[in-house]
C-alpha cells in the first residue's frame, strides 16, 4: 500500500522497536539481564543510531556462525535488520528533523481519540468530519 498511496513518504522503524531486537539477540547469546548482554546492546546501538544497520546485520550473522545452536533464531533477527535497513536511516532522519520514535504519533492518536470518545459523545460520520478541524486545533 505504501508505494500506491504514500509514494513520497519517509518511513522509519521505531527506534525502541529496533532496539528490542538488539535485546533479543543479546539475551539469546549472553543471557537475559547479564552485564555482557547490556554491553553488547550498547555497542550495537551506536552504529544503528548512525544509520549503519548493515553493521548490525553482519555482527549478528557472525554470532550465528559462532553459535550454531542459536543460528536459526539469530538469522531471523539479522533478517529483520537486513529487511528494514532502508527504514533505519536514523542519522538522516534526525538531520532532516524527523522523529525516530513513534511515541509522539501514538500520543497524538490517543489525544485525538480522547477528544471524540468522551462520555456522552456520539458522532455521525458527517458530524465528526465537520468537527475534526475544531477538535484537533
Protein backbone atom coordinates (compact mmCIF):
# COMPACT_ATOMS: atom_id res chain seq x y z
CA UNK A 1 0.00 0.00 0.00
CA UNK A 2 2.85 2.42 0.70
CA UNK A 3 4.06 2.82 -2.90
CA UNK A 4 0.50 3.21 -4.15
CA UNK A 5 -0.80 5.67 -1.57
CA UNK A 6 2.27 7.16 0.11
CA UNK A 7 4.92 7.11 -2.61
CA UNK A 8 6.80 10.16 -1.37
CA UNK A 9 6.63 9.28 2.32
CA UNK A 10 9.67 8.75 4.55
CA UNK A 11 9.41 5.55 6.53
CA UNK A 12 11.20 4.67 9.73
CA UNK A 13 11.27 1.72 12.05
CA UNK A 14 10.56 2.97 15.55
CA UNK A 15 13.86 3.24 17.46
CA UNK A 16 12.50 1.46 20.52
CA UNK A 17 11.21 -1.46 18.45
CA UNK A 18 14.55 -1.79 16.67
CA UNK A 19 16.44 -1.85 19.97
CA UNK A 20 14.07 -4.54 21.25
CA UNK A 21 15.50 -6.78 18.53
CA UNK A 22 19.03 -5.97 19.73
CA UNK A 23 17.97 -7.06 23.22
CA UNK A 24 16.56 -10.30 21.80
CA UNK A 25 19.93 -11.11 20.24
CA UNK A 26 21.83 -10.20 23.39
CA UNK A 27 19.56 -12.35 25.56
CA UNK A 28 19.95 -15.32 23.22
CA UNK A 29 23.73 -15.13 23.13
CA UNK A 30 24.74 -13.75 26.54
CA UNK A 31 21.73 -14.41 28.76
CA UNK A 32 18.92 -12.15 29.86
CA UNK A 33 19.92 -9.43 32.29
CA UNK A 34 23.65 -10.09 32.13
CA UNK A 35 26.21 -7.31 32.05
CA UNK A 36 27.66 -8.77 28.86
CA UNK A 37 24.25 -8.59 27.15
CA UNK A 38 23.83 -4.97 28.21
CA UNK A 39 27.31 -4.08 26.91
CA UNK A 40 26.60 -5.76 23.58
CA UNK A 41 23.31 -3.86 23.15
CA UNK A 42 25.04 -0.54 23.95
CA UNK A 43 27.79 -1.36 21.46
CA UNK A 44 25.24 -2.11 18.72
CA UNK A 45 23.03 0.91 19.45
CA UNK A 46 25.74 3.31 18.32
CA UNK A 47 26.14 2.04 14.73
CA UNK A 48 22.37 1.58 14.44
CA UNK A 49 21.80 5.16 15.65
CA UNK A 50 24.23 6.33 12.97
CA UNK A 51 22.17 4.50 10.31
CA UNK A 52 24.55 1.58 9.85
CA UNK A 53 22.08 -1.28 10.10
CA UNK A 54 24.32 -3.26 7.73
CA UNK A 55 26.92 -3.40 10.52
CA UNK A 56 24.34 -4.81 12.92
CA UNK A 57 23.33 -7.41 10.31
CA UNK A 58 26.94 -8.50 9.83
CA UNK A 59 27.59 -8.69 13.57
CA UNK A 60 24.51 -10.82 14.19
CA UNK A 61 25.40 -13.11 11.29
CA UNK A 62 28.88 -13.53 12.80
CA UNK A 63 27.24 -14.51 16.09
CA UNK A 64 25.07 -17.02 14.23
CA UNK A 65 28.20 -18.67 12.81
CA UNK A 66 29.81 -18.73 16.25
CA UNK A 67 26.70 -20.20 17.94
CA UNK A 68 25.30 -22.92 15.66
CA UNK A 69 22.59 -23.95 18.14
CA UNK A 70 21.22 -20.38 18.04
CA UNK A 71 21.87 -19.82 14.35
CA UNK A 72 18.26 -20.03 13.16
CA UNK A 73 16.96 -17.52 15.71
CA UNK A 74 19.94 -15.21 15.17
CA UNK A 75 19.50 -15.33 11.38
CA UNK A 76 15.86 -14.33 11.88
CA UNK A 77 16.98 -11.28 13.87
CA UNK A 78 19.66 -10.45 11.28
CA UNK A 79 16.95 -10.71 8.62
CA UNK A 80 14.83 -8.16 10.48
CA UNK A 81 17.63 -5.58 10.32
CA UNK A 82 18.55 -6.50 6.75
CA UNK A 83 14.96 -6.19 5.53
CA UNK A 84 14.48 -2.84 7.25
CA UNK A 85 17.86 -1.19 6.54
CA UNK A 86 16.23 1.41 4.30
CA UNK A 87 13.85 2.31 7.12
CA UNK A 88 16.64 2.53 9.74
CA UNK A 89 18.49 5.57 8.41
CA UNK A 90 18.27 7.23 11.82
CA UNK A 91 21.09 9.70 11.25
CA UNK A 92 19.49 11.04 8.06
CA UNK A 93 16.07 11.16 9.67
CA UNK A 94 17.38 13.15 12.63
CA UNK A 95 19.30 15.52 10.34
CA UNK A 96 16.09 16.18 8.41
CA UNK A 97 14.15 16.87 11.62
CA UNK A 98 12.09 13.69 11.71
CA UNK A 99 11.49 11.79 14.96
CA UNK A 100 12.94 8.28 15.16
CA UNK A 101 10.42 7.13 17.74
CA UNK A 102 6.68 6.66 17.36
CA UNK A 103 5.75 7.95 20.82
CA UNK A 104 4.75 11.38 19.57
CA UNK A 105 2.44 9.91 16.91
CA UNK A 106 0.96 7.34 19.29
CA UNK A 107 0.29 10.07 21.86
CA UNK A 108 -1.35 12.26 19.21
CA UNK A 109 -3.64 9.40 18.21
CA UNK A 110 -4.65 8.86 21.84
CA UNK A 111 -5.33 12.58 22.27
CA UNK A 112 -7.46 12.71 19.12
CA UNK A 113 -9.40 9.64 20.21
CA UNK A 114 -9.96 11.12 23.68
CA UNK A 115 -11.40 14.27 22.12
CA UNK A 116 -14.01 12.26 20.22
CA UNK A 117 -14.93 9.50 22.63
CA UNK A 118 -15.78 11.35 25.84
CA UNK A 119 -18.78 10.47 27.96
CA UNK A 120 -21.99 11.01 26.00
CA UNK A 121 -20.24 11.81 22.73
CA UNK A 122 -21.77 10.17 19.69
CA UNK A 123 -20.88 11.28 16.18
CA UNK A 124 -22.30 10.66 12.75
CA UNK A 125 -19.63 10.47 10.07
CA UNK A 126 -20.56 13.88 8.64
CA UNK A 127 -20.74 15.41 12.12
CA UNK A 128 -17.31 14.07 13.03
CA UNK A 129 -15.83 15.27 9.73
CA UNK A 130 -17.21 18.76 10.37
CA UNK A 131 -15.90 18.92 13.91
CA UNK A 132 -12.44 17.30 13.37
CA UNK A 133 -10.72 20.59 12.40
CA UNK A 134 -12.05 22.28 15.53
CA UNK A 135 -11.25 19.44 17.92
CA UNK A 136 -7.71 18.95 16.58
CA UNK A 137 -6.92 22.67 16.75
